[in-house]
N, C-alpha and C. Protein backbone atom coordinates (compact mmCIF):
# COMPACT_ATOMS: atom_id res chain seq x y z
N MET A 1 61.22 -7.55 -23.91
CA MET A 1 60.39 -7.43 -23.12
C MET A 1 59.33 -6.63 -23.06
N GLN A 2 57.86 -6.66 -23.39
CA GLN A 2 57.55 -5.48 -22.92
C GLN A 2 57.15 -5.09 -21.62
N ASP A 3 56.68 -3.64 -21.13
CA ASP A 3 56.42 -3.27 -20.08
C ASP A 3 55.23 -4.11 -19.37
N LYS A 4 54.37 -4.68 -19.80
CA LYS A 4 53.58 -5.33 -18.95
C LYS A 4 54.17 -6.95 -18.52
N GLU A 5 54.99 -7.29 -19.59
CA GLU A 5 55.34 -8.61 -19.26
C GLU A 5 56.42 -8.57 -18.27
N ARG A 6 57.19 -7.29 -18.45
CA ARG A 6 58.47 -7.24 -17.42
C ARG A 6 57.46 -7.24 -15.98
N TYR A 7 56.37 -6.06 -15.88
CA TYR A 7 56.15 -6.07 -14.53
C TYR A 7 55.33 -7.22 -14.19
N ASN A 8 54.79 -8.45 -14.80
CA ASN A 8 54.15 -9.34 -14.62
C ASN A 8 55.42 -10.38 -13.89
N LEU A 9 56.56 -10.43 -14.87
CA LEU A 9 57.70 -11.37 -14.23
C LEU A 9 58.23 -10.95 -12.69
N ILE A 10 58.33 -9.54 -12.81
CA ILE A 10 58.52 -9.14 -11.70
C ILE A 10 57.94 -9.15 -10.15
N LYS A 11 56.59 -9.23 -10.22
CA LYS A 11 55.68 -9.68 -9.32
C LYS A 11 55.61 -11.10 -9.46
N ALA A 12 55.67 -11.63 -10.25
CA ALA A 12 55.88 -13.27 -9.93
C ALA A 12 57.18 -13.46 -9.21
N ILE A 13 58.08 -13.13 -9.50
CA ILE A 13 59.12 -13.39 -8.72
C ILE A 13 59.27 -12.93 -7.29
N SER A 14 58.64 -11.68 -7.07
CA SER A 14 58.55 -10.73 -5.99
C SER A 14 57.60 -12.03 -4.88
N LEU A 15 56.79 -12.41 -5.38
CA LEU A 15 55.68 -13.50 -4.72
C LEU A 15 56.42 -14.75 -4.45
N ILE A 16 57.26 -15.19 -5.79
CA ILE A 16 57.97 -16.61 -5.44
C ILE A 16 59.00 -16.43 -3.74
N SER A 17 59.72 -15.15 -4.35
CA SER A 17 60.54 -14.81 -3.10
C SER A 17 60.11 -14.77 -1.89
N ILE A 18 58.94 -14.04 -2.03
CA ILE A 18 58.56 -13.76 -0.28
C ILE A 18 57.97 -15.23 0.15
N ALA A 19 57.42 -16.00 -0.59
CA ALA A 19 56.81 -17.12 -0.32
C ALA A 19 57.91 -18.04 0.43
N THR A 20 59.04 -17.87 -0.52
CA THR A 20 60.43 -18.90 -0.10
C THR A 20 60.89 -18.38 1.55
N GLY A 21 60.76 -16.93 1.77
CA GLY A 21 60.86 -16.44 2.90
C GLY A 21 60.04 -17.16 3.81
N ILE A 22 58.64 -16.93 4.00
CA ILE A 22 57.72 -17.89 4.78
C ILE A 22 58.03 -19.42 5.15
N VAL A 23 58.71 -19.99 3.87
CA VAL A 23 58.80 -21.50 4.20
C VAL A 23 60.46 -21.72 4.92
N GLY A 24 60.94 -20.25 4.96
CA GLY A 24 62.24 -20.57 5.93
C GLY A 24 61.73 -20.23 7.35
N ILE A 25 60.71 -19.39 7.32
CA ILE A 25 59.94 -19.09 8.89
C ILE A 25 59.79 -20.71 9.53
N SER A 26 59.42 -21.56 8.52
CA SER A 26 59.40 -23.11 8.68
C SER A 26 60.46 -23.68 9.36
N LEU A 27 61.22 -23.57 8.29
CA LEU A 27 63.04 -24.25 8.90
C LEU A 27 63.25 -23.82 10.15
N GLY A 28 63.03 -22.49 10.17
CA GLY A 28 63.73 -21.86 11.81
C GLY A 28 63.35 -22.39 12.97
N SER A 29 61.70 -22.66 12.43
CA SER A 29 60.43 -23.05 13.82
C SER A 29 61.03 -24.73 13.99
N VAL A 30 61.12 -25.08 13.05
CA VAL A 30 61.52 -26.78 13.61
C VAL A 30 62.96 -26.85 13.82
N ALA A 31 63.82 -26.07 13.53
CA ALA A 31 64.91 -26.17 14.31
C ALA A 31 65.10 -25.92 15.66
N ALA A 32 64.29 -24.50 16.00
CA ALA A 32 64.21 -23.95 17.05
C ALA A 32 63.21 -25.45 18.43
N SER A 33 62.22 -25.69 17.59
CA SER A 33 61.76 -26.73 18.12
C SER A 33 62.39 -27.84 18.91
N PHE A 34 63.36 -28.06 18.09
CA PHE A 34 64.71 -29.53 18.49
C PHE A 34 65.80 -28.83 19.47
N ASN A 35 65.44 -27.27 19.58
CA ASN A 35 66.83 -26.81 20.59
C ASN A 35 67.95 -27.16 19.87
N ILE A 36 67.94 -27.16 18.46
CA ILE A 36 69.04 -26.78 17.78
C ILE A 36 69.50 -25.22 17.92
N PRO A 37 70.67 -25.51 17.81
CA PRO A 37 71.61 -23.57 18.37
C PRO A 37 71.45 -22.96 16.91
N ILE A 38 70.77 -21.82 17.23
CA ILE A 38 70.46 -21.22 15.82
C ILE A 38 71.56 -21.02 14.96
N TRP A 39 73.34 -20.99 15.54
CA TRP A 39 73.85 -20.77 14.41
C TRP A 39 74.02 -21.95 13.26
N ILE A 40 73.19 -22.79 13.50
CA ILE A 40 73.25 -23.86 12.47
C ILE A 40 72.23 -23.91 11.41
N PRO A 41 71.23 -23.43 11.76
CA PRO A 41 69.91 -23.00 10.76
C PRO A 41 70.54 -21.90 9.79
N MET A 42 71.18 -21.16 10.43
CA MET A 42 71.31 -19.34 10.08
C MET A 42 72.42 -20.10 8.80
N MET A 43 73.59 -20.67 9.32
CA MET A 43 74.63 -20.89 8.36
C MET A 43 74.37 -21.46 6.81
N LEU A 44 73.48 -23.01 7.48
CA LEU A 44 72.50 -23.20 6.55
C LEU A 44 72.25 -22.31 5.47
N SER A 45 71.64 -21.74 5.99
CA SER A 45 70.77 -20.86 4.90
C SER A 45 71.86 -19.89 4.34
N LEU A 46 72.20 -19.29 4.63
CA LEU A 46 73.36 -18.44 4.12
C LEU A 46 74.50 -19.09 3.21
N THR A 47 74.67 -20.65 3.30
CA THR A 47 75.60 -21.38 2.76
C THR A 47 75.15 -22.22 1.73
N VAL A 48 74.33 -22.93 2.21
CA VAL A 48 73.88 -24.26 1.64
C VAL A 48 72.83 -23.23 0.61
N LEU A 49 71.84 -22.78 0.98
CA LEU A 49 70.76 -22.17 0.31
C LEU A 49 69.88 -22.98 -0.44
N ALA A 50 69.31 -24.29 0.17
CA ALA A 50 68.67 -25.48 -0.63
C ALA A 50 67.62 -25.67 0.21
N GLY A 51 66.47 -25.35 0.42
CA GLY A 51 65.56 -25.93 1.53
C GLY A 51 65.72 -27.23 1.79
N ALA A 52 65.42 -28.59 0.66
CA ALA A 52 65.08 -29.66 0.82
C ALA A 52 66.19 -30.27 1.64
N ALA A 53 67.38 -30.13 1.11
CA ALA A 53 68.54 -30.27 2.16
C ALA A 53 68.84 -29.95 2.66
N GLU A 54 67.92 -28.78 3.56
CA GLU A 54 68.34 -28.16 4.72
C GLU A 54 67.17 -28.70 5.81
N PHE A 55 66.32 -29.11 5.45
CA PHE A 55 65.03 -29.44 5.96
C PHE A 55 65.53 -30.99 6.65
N THR A 56 66.03 -31.58 5.28
CA THR A 56 66.31 -33.21 5.68
C THR A 56 67.75 -33.12 7.05
N PHE A 57 68.76 -32.10 6.36
CA PHE A 57 69.79 -32.16 7.66
C PHE A 57 69.02 -31.88 8.81
N VAL A 58 68.57 -30.38 9.12
CA VAL A 58 67.98 -30.26 10.39
C VAL A 58 66.94 -31.32 11.19
N GLY A 59 66.33 -32.22 10.35
CA GLY A 59 65.25 -33.16 10.49
C GLY A 59 66.57 -34.63 11.28
N MET A 60 67.30 -34.63 10.39
CA MET A 60 68.04 -35.78 10.87
C MET A 60 68.99 -35.61 11.89
N ILE A 61 69.65 -34.36 12.11
CA ILE A 61 70.26 -34.04 13.24
C ILE A 61 69.68 -34.10 14.57
N ALA A 62 68.31 -33.57 14.56
CA ALA A 62 67.15 -33.48 15.63
C ALA A 62 67.18 -35.05 15.99
N THR A 63 67.05 -36.24 14.73
CA THR A 63 67.01 -37.30 15.36
C THR A 63 68.17 -37.90 16.17
N GLY A 64 69.42 -37.57 16.17
CA GLY A 64 70.06 -37.92 16.46
C GLY A 64 71.58 -38.47 15.62
N ALA A 65 71.11 -38.31 13.94
CA ALA A 65 71.96 -38.75 13.08
C ALA A 65 73.18 -38.36 13.00
N ASN A 66 74.36 -38.99 12.34
CA ASN A 66 75.42 -38.16 12.31
C ASN A 66 75.69 -37.22 11.22
N PRO A 67 76.15 -35.79 11.87
CA PRO A 67 75.84 -34.94 10.95
C PRO A 67 76.73 -35.33 9.90
N ILE A 68 78.04 -35.88 9.30
CA ILE A 68 78.48 -36.29 8.14
C ILE A 68 77.39 -36.84 7.31
N PHE A 69 76.81 -37.79 7.63
CA PHE A 69 75.73 -38.84 6.75
C PHE A 69 74.61 -37.80 6.37
N ALA A 70 74.31 -36.89 7.95
CA ALA A 70 73.21 -35.92 7.45
C ALA A 70 73.63 -35.10 6.24
N ALA A 71 74.74 -34.46 6.26
CA ALA A 71 75.20 -33.82 5.11
C ALA A 71 75.26 -34.30 3.65
N LEU A 72 75.82 -35.71 3.62
CA LEU A 72 75.89 -36.55 2.29
C LEU A 72 74.49 -36.72 1.94
N THR A 73 73.59 -36.68 2.87
CA THR A 73 72.20 -37.21 2.33
C THR A 73 71.80 -35.84 1.42
N GLY A 74 71.84 -34.88 2.24
CA GLY A 74 71.33 -33.24 1.23
C GLY A 74 71.93 -33.29 0.16
N ILE A 75 73.35 -33.42 0.23
CA ILE A 75 74.38 -33.44 -1.50
C ILE A 75 73.11 -34.41 -2.37
N LEU A 76 73.14 -35.61 -1.77
CA LEU A 76 72.44 -36.36 -2.79
C LEU A 76 70.74 -35.78 -3.24
N ILE A 77 70.32 -35.10 -2.11
CA ILE A 77 69.13 -34.87 -2.42
C ILE A 77 69.28 -33.53 -3.65
N ASN A 78 70.19 -32.53 -3.33
CA ASN A 78 70.38 -31.82 -4.41
C ASN A 78 71.17 -31.95 -5.77
N LEU A 79 71.30 -33.46 -6.14
CA LEU A 79 71.99 -33.45 -7.28
C LEU A 79 71.18 -33.33 -8.46
N ARG A 80 69.87 -32.74 -8.27
CA ARG A 80 68.99 -32.25 -9.24
C ARG A 80 69.91 -30.98 -9.92
N HIS A 81 70.57 -30.18 -8.77
CA HIS A 81 71.21 -29.21 -9.44
C HIS A 81 72.23 -29.38 -10.56
N LEU A 82 72.78 -31.00 -10.77
CA LEU A 82 73.79 -31.11 -11.88
C LEU A 82 72.82 -30.55 -13.05
N PRO A 83 71.67 -30.98 -13.16
CA PRO A 83 71.31 -30.72 -14.96
C PRO A 83 71.10 -29.43 -14.80
N PHE A 84 70.45 -28.84 -14.00
CA PHE A 84 69.91 -27.25 -13.83
C PHE A 84 71.13 -26.61 -14.35
N GLY A 85 72.54 -26.79 -13.78
CA GLY A 85 73.68 -26.00 -13.98
C GLY A 85 73.96 -26.14 -15.42
N LEU A 86 73.68 -27.41 -16.13
CA LEU A 86 73.97 -27.31 -17.63
C LEU A 86 72.61 -26.82 -18.02
N SER A 87 71.99 -26.55 -17.77
CA SER A 87 70.48 -25.78 -18.30
C SER A 87 70.60 -24.15 -18.45
N VAL A 88 71.41 -23.82 -17.44
CA VAL A 88 71.25 -22.23 -17.23
C VAL A 88 72.82 -21.91 -17.91
N ALA A 89 74.06 -22.84 -18.15
CA ALA A 89 75.20 -22.15 -18.47
C ALA A 89 75.08 -21.33 -19.95
N SER A 90 73.85 -21.71 -20.55
CA SER A 90 73.93 -21.26 -21.89
C SER A 90 73.59 -19.37 -21.92
N PHE A 91 73.31 -19.33 -20.48
CA PHE A 91 73.17 -17.87 -20.78
C PHE A 91 73.28 -16.82 -19.49
N ILE A 92 74.13 -17.86 -18.51
CA ILE A 92 75.13 -17.12 -17.58
C ILE A 92 76.21 -16.53 -17.81
N GLU A 93 76.90 -15.58 -17.42
CA GLU A 93 78.17 -14.68 -17.96
C GLU A 93 79.25 -15.48 -17.63
N LYS A 94 80.09 -15.43 -18.17
CA LYS A 94 81.27 -16.43 -18.55
C LYS A 94 82.16 -15.61 -17.72
N ASN A 95 82.24 -15.06 -16.53
CA ASN A 95 83.28 -14.60 -15.51
C ASN A 95 83.20 -14.93 -14.15
N ALA A 96 83.65 -13.85 -13.74
CA ALA A 96 83.68 -14.40 -11.85
C ALA A 96 82.46 -14.31 -11.47
N SER A 97 81.37 -13.86 -11.77
CA SER A 97 80.21 -13.43 -11.33
C SER A 97 79.43 -15.23 -11.75
N ARG A 98 80.08 -15.95 -12.02
CA ARG A 98 79.14 -17.04 -12.12
C ARG A 98 79.24 -18.05 -11.11
N PHE A 99 80.50 -17.51 -10.09
CA PHE A 99 80.41 -18.46 -8.99
C PHE A 99 79.27 -17.94 -8.10
N ILE A 100 79.41 -16.64 -7.98
CA ILE A 100 77.59 -16.21 -7.21
C ILE A 100 76.51 -16.98 -7.68
N ALA A 101 76.37 -16.63 -9.29
CA ALA A 101 75.16 -17.53 -10.08
C ALA A 101 75.34 -18.63 -9.79
N CYS A 102 76.28 -19.30 -9.26
CA CYS A 102 76.08 -20.95 -9.23
C CYS A 102 75.71 -21.10 -7.60
N HIS A 103 75.52 -19.95 -6.42
CA HIS A 103 75.33 -20.35 -5.33
C HIS A 103 73.87 -19.94 -4.99
N ILE A 104 73.49 -19.09 -5.97
CA ILE A 104 72.11 -18.71 -5.91
C ILE A 104 71.24 -19.45 -6.64
N MET A 105 71.46 -20.59 -7.50
CA MET A 105 71.22 -21.74 -8.08
C MET A 105 69.93 -22.42 -7.19
N ASN A 106 68.51 -22.38 -7.73
CA ASN A 106 67.66 -23.36 -7.16
C ASN A 106 66.83 -23.36 -8.17
N ASP A 107 65.58 -24.28 -7.60
CA ASP A 107 64.74 -24.62 -8.58
C ASP A 107 63.70 -23.13 -9.12
N GLU A 108 63.66 -22.24 -8.23
CA GLU A 108 62.80 -20.88 -8.74
C GLU A 108 63.75 -20.06 -9.45
N SER A 109 65.29 -19.90 -9.49
CA SER A 109 65.50 -19.25 -10.38
C SER A 109 66.21 -19.70 -11.10
N VAL A 110 66.32 -20.84 -11.47
CA VAL A 110 66.29 -21.83 -12.59
C VAL A 110 64.89 -21.84 -13.60
N MET A 111 63.50 -21.79 -12.97
CA MET A 111 62.77 -22.09 -13.55
C MET A 111 61.91 -20.71 -14.48
N PHE A 112 62.32 -19.35 -13.42
CA PHE A 112 62.04 -18.61 -13.87
C PHE A 112 63.24 -17.71 -15.28
N GLY A 113 64.51 -18.27 -15.00
CA GLY A 113 65.31 -18.27 -16.08
C GLY A 113 64.96 -18.79 -17.43
N LEU A 114 64.70 -19.83 -17.23
CA LEU A 114 64.82 -20.96 -18.41
C LEU A 114 63.28 -20.41 -19.10
N SER A 115 61.87 -20.04 -18.07
CA SER A 115 60.71 -19.89 -18.89
C SER A 115 60.99 -18.63 -20.06
N GLN A 116 61.94 -17.00 -20.14
CA GLN A 116 62.06 -16.38 -20.74
C GLN A 116 62.74 -17.03 -22.57
N GLN A 117 62.45 -15.86 -23.25
CA GLN A 117 62.67 -16.21 -24.98
C GLN A 117 63.72 -15.93 -25.01
N GLU A 118 64.68 -14.68 -24.76
CA GLU A 118 65.70 -14.09 -24.86
C GLU A 118 66.92 -14.61 -23.65
N ASP A 119 68.13 -14.65 -24.26
CA ASP A 119 68.85 -14.93 -23.39
C ASP A 119 69.15 -13.64 -22.01
N GLU A 120 69.19 -12.67 -22.71
CA GLU A 120 69.14 -11.45 -21.93
C GLU A 120 68.37 -11.59 -20.70
N SER A 121 66.89 -11.66 -21.16
CA SER A 121 65.98 -11.51 -20.26
C SER A 121 65.99 -13.10 -19.46
N LYS A 122 66.42 -14.44 -19.84
CA LYS A 122 66.64 -15.19 -18.81
C LYS A 122 67.44 -14.95 -17.73
N ARG A 123 68.84 -14.26 -17.90
CA ARG A 123 69.74 -13.95 -17.38
C ARG A 123 69.09 -13.13 -16.42
N LYS A 124 68.30 -12.00 -16.64
CA LYS A 124 67.85 -11.08 -15.67
C LYS A 124 66.77 -11.58 -14.49
N ALA A 125 66.01 -12.90 -15.05
CA ALA A 125 65.05 -13.26 -14.28
C ALA A 125 65.74 -14.36 -13.43
N TYR A 126 66.62 -14.95 -13.88
CA TYR A 126 67.46 -16.04 -13.22
C TYR A 126 68.14 -14.79 -11.85
N TRP A 127 69.06 -13.81 -12.22
CA TRP A 127 69.41 -13.29 -10.85
C TRP A 127 68.77 -12.68 -10.27
N MET A 128 67.53 -12.06 -10.88
CA MET A 128 66.48 -11.60 -9.94
C MET A 128 65.73 -12.18 -8.67
N CYS A 129 65.42 -13.38 -9.52
CA CYS A 129 64.63 -14.82 -8.43
C CYS A 129 65.69 -15.25 -7.45
N GLY A 130 66.83 -15.19 -8.02
CA GLY A 130 68.34 -15.81 -7.24
C GLY A 130 68.55 -15.04 -6.43
N LEU A 131 68.60 -13.96 -6.32
CA LEU A 131 69.02 -13.12 -5.11
C LEU A 131 68.12 -12.50 -4.25
N GLY A 132 66.72 -12.56 -4.60
CA GLY A 132 65.76 -12.29 -4.22
C GLY A 132 65.47 -13.43 -2.97
N ILE A 133 65.53 -14.83 -3.62
CA ILE A 133 65.71 -15.96 -2.45
C ILE A 133 67.14 -15.60 -1.54
N CYS A 134 68.11 -15.33 -1.95
CA CYS A 134 69.26 -15.68 -1.06
C CYS A 134 69.00 -14.31 0.20
N ILE A 135 68.30 -13.59 -0.40
CA ILE A 135 68.34 -12.37 1.02
C ILE A 135 66.95 -13.08 1.82
N LEU A 136 65.81 -13.31 1.04
CA LEU A 136 64.78 -13.61 1.99
C LEU A 136 64.56 -14.83 2.63
N TRP A 137 65.24 -15.88 2.04
CA TRP A 137 65.61 -17.16 2.93
C TRP A 137 65.90 -17.21 4.02
N PRO A 138 67.52 -16.50 4.60
CA PRO A 138 67.98 -16.58 5.64
C PRO A 138 67.14 -15.67 6.74
N ILE A 139 66.39 -14.65 6.17
CA ILE A 139 65.55 -13.87 7.09
C ILE A 139 64.13 -14.42 7.51
N GLY A 140 63.79 -15.15 6.66
CA GLY A 140 62.56 -16.12 7.16
C GLY A 140 62.83 -17.11 8.07
N VAL A 141 64.22 -17.93 8.20
CA VAL A 141 64.77 -18.62 8.81
C VAL A 141 64.94 -18.27 10.38
N LEU A 142 65.88 -16.77 10.35
CA LEU A 142 66.13 -16.00 11.68
C LEU A 142 64.36 -15.80 12.43
N ILE A 143 63.47 -15.59 11.66
CA ILE A 143 62.39 -15.15 12.18
C ILE A 143 61.63 -16.13 12.35
N GLY A 144 61.78 -17.31 12.03
CA GLY A 144 60.80 -18.38 12.14
C GLY A 144 61.59 -18.76 13.76
N TYR A 145 62.94 -18.75 13.99
CA TYR A 145 63.64 -19.37 15.01
C TYR A 145 62.96 -18.47 16.52
N ILE A 146 63.20 -17.04 16.00
CA ILE A 146 62.66 -15.98 17.10
C ILE A 146 61.44 -16.72 17.58
N LEU A 147 60.10 -16.38 16.57
CA LEU A 147 59.03 -16.93 16.71
C LEU A 147 58.69 -18.28 17.61
N SER A 148 59.62 -19.03 17.27
CA SER A 148 59.00 -20.38 17.47
C SER A 148 59.27 -20.21 19.30
N LYS A 149 60.24 -19.57 19.45
CA LYS A 149 60.49 -19.57 20.96
C LYS A 149 59.03 -18.58 21.60
N ASN A 150 58.09 -18.06 20.98
CA ASN A 150 57.36 -17.43 21.88
C ASN A 150 55.77 -17.77 21.26
N ILE A 151 55.41 -18.85 19.92
CA ILE A 151 54.64 -19.49 19.94
C ILE A 151 54.13 -20.88 19.56
N PRO A 152 53.72 -21.72 20.75
CA PRO A 152 53.85 -22.92 20.80
C PRO A 152 53.82 -23.59 19.68
N ASP A 153 52.70 -23.18 18.95
CA ASP A 153 52.13 -23.77 17.56
C ASP A 153 52.57 -22.85 16.00
N ILE A 154 53.34 -22.75 15.41
CA ILE A 154 53.65 -22.04 14.63
C ILE A 154 52.77 -22.43 13.53
N TYR A 155 52.81 -23.85 12.82
CA TYR A 155 51.97 -24.31 12.00
C TYR A 155 50.76 -24.30 11.77
N ILE A 156 49.90 -23.44 13.25
CA ILE A 156 48.47 -23.06 12.78
C ILE A 156 48.40 -22.13 12.11
N PHE A 157 49.28 -21.32 11.79
CA PHE A 157 49.11 -20.49 10.52
C PHE A 157 49.33 -20.86 9.06
N GLY A 158 49.49 -22.30 8.86
CA GLY A 158 49.78 -22.41 7.45
C GLY A 158 50.72 -22.04 6.74
N ILE A 159 51.96 -21.77 7.39
CA ILE A 159 52.93 -20.97 6.27
C ILE A 159 54.05 -22.12 5.92
N ASP A 160 53.29 -23.82 6.19
CA ASP A 160 54.14 -24.65 5.40
C ASP A 160 53.39 -25.02 4.24
N ALA A 161 52.17 -24.45 3.98
CA ALA A 161 51.52 -24.76 2.55
C ALA A 161 51.76 -23.45 1.68
N ALA A 162 52.05 -22.31 2.09
CA ALA A 162 52.03 -21.12 1.46
C ALA A 162 52.89 -21.12 0.16
N PHE A 163 54.19 -21.83 0.06
CA PHE A 163 55.07 -22.18 -0.81
C PHE A 163 54.44 -22.96 -2.06
N PRO A 164 54.14 -23.94 -1.52
CA PRO A 164 53.51 -25.06 -2.79
C PRO A 164 52.56 -24.34 -3.57
N ALA A 165 51.51 -23.28 -2.57
CA ALA A 165 50.35 -23.11 -3.41
C ALA A 165 50.74 -22.24 -4.37
N ILE A 166 52.14 -21.23 -3.96
CA ILE A 166 52.06 -20.19 -5.10
C ILE A 166 53.21 -20.87 -6.14
N LEU A 167 54.08 -21.56 -5.75
CA LEU A 167 54.77 -22.40 -7.19
C LEU A 167 53.70 -23.11 -7.59
N PHE A 168 52.75 -23.90 -7.43
CA PHE A 168 51.25 -24.05 -8.45
C PHE A 168 50.66 -23.09 -9.10
N ALA A 169 50.51 -22.03 -8.33
CA ALA A 169 49.43 -21.05 -9.14
C ALA A 169 50.63 -20.44 -10.65
N LEU A 170 51.87 -20.20 -10.29
CA LEU A 170 52.51 -19.78 -10.92
C LEU A 170 52.86 -20.76 -12.34
N ILE A 171 52.99 -22.12 -12.16
CA ILE A 171 53.27 -23.06 -13.34
C ILE A 171 51.85 -22.99 -13.84
N LEU A 172 50.65 -23.22 -13.48
CA LEU A 172 49.48 -23.93 -13.65
C LEU A 172 49.08 -23.00 -15.26
N PRO A 173 49.75 -22.10 -15.96
CA PRO A 173 49.41 -21.81 -17.22
C PRO A 173 50.15 -22.75 -17.79
N MET A 174 51.45 -23.13 -17.56
CA MET A 174 52.17 -24.28 -18.52
C MET A 174 51.52 -25.52 -18.56
N LEU A 175 50.61 -25.87 -18.16
CA LEU A 175 49.49 -27.26 -17.99
C LEU A 175 48.80 -26.86 -19.29
N ARG A 176 48.74 -26.14 -19.99
CA ARG A 176 47.67 -25.73 -20.82
C ARG A 176 48.41 -26.75 -22.25
N ASN A 177 49.94 -27.06 -22.62
CA ASN A 177 50.32 -27.61 -23.37
C ASN A 177 50.32 -29.09 -22.84
N ARG A 178 49.51 -29.42 -23.54
CA ARG A 178 49.35 -31.18 -23.65
C ARG A 178 50.50 -32.28 -23.20
N THR A 179 51.57 -31.86 -24.02
CA THR A 179 52.88 -32.87 -23.49
C THR A 179 53.42 -32.50 -22.15
N THR A 180 53.40 -31.29 -21.74
CA THR A 180 53.77 -30.81 -20.35
C THR A 180 53.21 -31.38 -19.32
N ARG A 181 51.36 -31.47 -19.53
CA ARG A 181 50.19 -32.18 -18.60
C ARG A 181 50.88 -33.34 -18.31
N ASN A 182 51.34 -34.35 -19.70
CA ASN A 182 51.60 -35.70 -19.79
C ASN A 182 52.87 -35.75 -18.71
N ARG A 183 53.76 -35.13 -19.10
CA ARG A 183 55.52 -35.18 -18.33
C ARG A 183 54.74 -34.86 -16.66
N VAL A 184 53.78 -33.93 -16.52
CA VAL A 184 53.90 -33.57 -15.07
C VAL A 184 52.88 -34.80 -14.55
N PHE A 185 52.00 -35.40 -15.05
CA PHE A 185 51.34 -36.44 -14.60
C PHE A 185 52.12 -37.70 -14.02
N LEU A 186 53.19 -38.13 -15.33
CA LEU A 186 53.78 -39.08 -15.11
C LEU A 186 54.64 -38.89 -14.10
N GLY A 187 55.39 -37.83 -14.13
CA GLY A 187 56.77 -37.29 -13.03
C GLY A 187 55.82 -37.73 -11.09
N THR A 188 54.75 -36.92 -11.87
CA THR A 188 54.24 -36.74 -10.18
C THR A 188 53.89 -38.60 -9.66
N THR A 189 53.00 -39.25 -10.82
CA THR A 189 53.11 -40.80 -10.33
C THR A 189 54.02 -41.13 -10.30
N LEU A 190 55.02 -40.98 -10.55
CA LEU A 190 56.34 -41.79 -10.28
C LEU A 190 57.35 -41.19 -8.84
N SER A 191 57.16 -40.21 -8.66
CA SER A 191 57.42 -39.67 -7.30
C SER A 191 56.78 -39.86 -6.16
N LEU A 192 55.40 -39.94 -6.37
CA LEU A 192 54.23 -40.45 -5.26
C LEU A 192 54.41 -42.13 -4.95
N ALA A 193 54.35 -42.45 -6.19
CA ALA A 193 54.97 -44.25 -6.01
C ALA A 193 56.29 -44.39 -5.19
N SER A 194 57.13 -43.42 -5.05
CA SER A 194 58.39 -44.03 -4.42
C SER A 194 58.74 -43.31 -3.53
N ILE A 195 57.69 -42.34 -2.75
CA ILE A 195 57.70 -41.90 -1.49
C ILE A 195 58.02 -43.25 -0.60
N PRO A 196 57.28 -44.06 -0.22
CA PRO A 196 57.66 -45.49 0.54
C PRO A 196 58.88 -46.57 0.17
N LEU A 197 59.60 -45.65 -0.66
CA LEU A 197 60.73 -46.66 -1.02
C LEU A 197 61.89 -46.10 -0.50
N LEU A 198 61.98 -44.25 -0.77
CA LEU A 198 62.92 -44.00 -1.00
C LEU A 198 62.93 -42.66 0.41
N PRO A 199 64.07 -42.29 0.71
CA PRO A 199 64.25 -41.65 1.83
C PRO A 199 63.38 -39.80 1.47
N THR A 200 63.19 -39.26 2.67
CA THR A 200 62.46 -37.82 2.86
C THR A 200 63.66 -37.29 1.60
N GLY A 201 62.90 -36.24 0.43
CA GLY A 201 63.84 -35.72 -0.44
C GLY A 201 64.06 -36.30 -1.62
N LEU A 202 64.29 -37.47 -1.78
CA LEU A 202 64.57 -38.00 -3.10
C LEU A 202 63.49 -38.31 -4.53
N PRO A 203 62.43 -38.59 -3.58
CA PRO A 203 61.18 -38.49 -4.68
C PRO A 203 60.85 -38.02 -5.92
N VAL A 204 61.30 -36.40 -5.36
CA VAL A 204 61.03 -34.92 -6.05
C VAL A 204 62.00 -35.31 -7.14
N LEU A 205 63.39 -36.45 -6.88
CA LEU A 205 64.39 -36.59 -8.29
C LEU A 205 63.58 -37.39 -9.15
N VAL A 206 63.13 -38.67 -8.25
CA VAL A 206 62.47 -39.53 -9.33
C VAL A 206 61.13 -39.27 -10.76
N SER A 207 60.60 -37.69 -10.12
CA SER A 207 59.61 -37.19 -11.02
C SER A 207 60.41 -36.49 -12.18
N MET A 208 61.36 -36.38 -12.30
CA MET A 208 62.42 -35.77 -13.53
C MET A 208 62.27 -36.96 -14.41
N PHE A 209 61.97 -38.04 -14.11
CA PHE A 209 62.00 -39.25 -15.30
C PHE A 209 60.31 -38.73 -16.22
N GLY A 210 59.78 -38.07 -15.70
CA GLY A 210 58.77 -37.95 -16.46
C GLY A 210 59.01 -36.88 -17.77
N LEU A 211 59.97 -36.13 -18.01
CA LEU A 211 60.77 -35.50 -18.80
C LEU A 211 61.04 -36.18 -20.23
N LEU A 212 61.29 -37.81 -19.77
CA LEU A 212 62.06 -38.94 -20.88
C LEU A 212 60.53 -39.11 -22.05
N LEU A 213 59.19 -38.43 -21.36
CA LEU A 213 57.87 -38.64 -22.11
C LEU A 213 58.10 -37.80 -23.54
N LYS A 214 58.06 -38.65 -24.78
CA LYS A 214 58.04 -37.68 -25.81
C LYS A 214 56.49 -37.15 -26.11
N GLY A 215 56.62 -36.27 -26.93
CA GLY A 215 55.34 -35.74 -27.59
C GLY A 215 55.28 -34.57 -28.20
N LYS A 216 54.02 -33.74 -28.84
CA LYS A 216 54.57 -32.74 -29.80
C LYS A 216 53.92 -31.78 -28.95
N SER A 217 53.94 -30.72 -28.68
CA SER A 217 53.37 -29.71 -28.36
C SER A 217 52.01 -28.99 -28.81
N LYS A 218 51.19 -29.07 -28.34
CA LYS A 218 49.84 -28.48 -28.73
C LYS A 218 48.63 -27.55 -27.88
């Protein structure tokens, strides 16, 4: 990997890690607004490390749902980690560190890992992004919880839009490929169509059916 490519990769990973931490602020503020004890979102951010599942769990608990059912729903939402694990297994070290690699596996670390050409570059990108999010996500949750106690409406800062905006900017160059564009369009259409039919967090799984679309790269 050339120096310029390495610099651009580090910059992109830094941006997405910071954006994820900002989303963590949103989760912390949501938990605080429902008067959920701070130890619950903090424990989730340190052990689960999966935003969609954590938002769902906190939201269900806030509305009086059974904690066990809320946890099972979070596990169902995170079923995408099964194909994630299969896709990164080829370049993750086959030693004790693979258990840590499993913990830091998320959408972003997998995306950055798979986007590289060589196994060594894939491994470095995966670990860099995974550890960055592992550190900044809990910090963001803690900051959000504290701020929510002092700012009546934390959403006026638009922090909930920062993460999807940065993620979209990062994947935009990939849409130059026609097959990728078609798959994204199909997956997005299926996901949006399933929103009225499925619980929160599951429509994103439906979008994976877009990968079934065959085509040639152009």
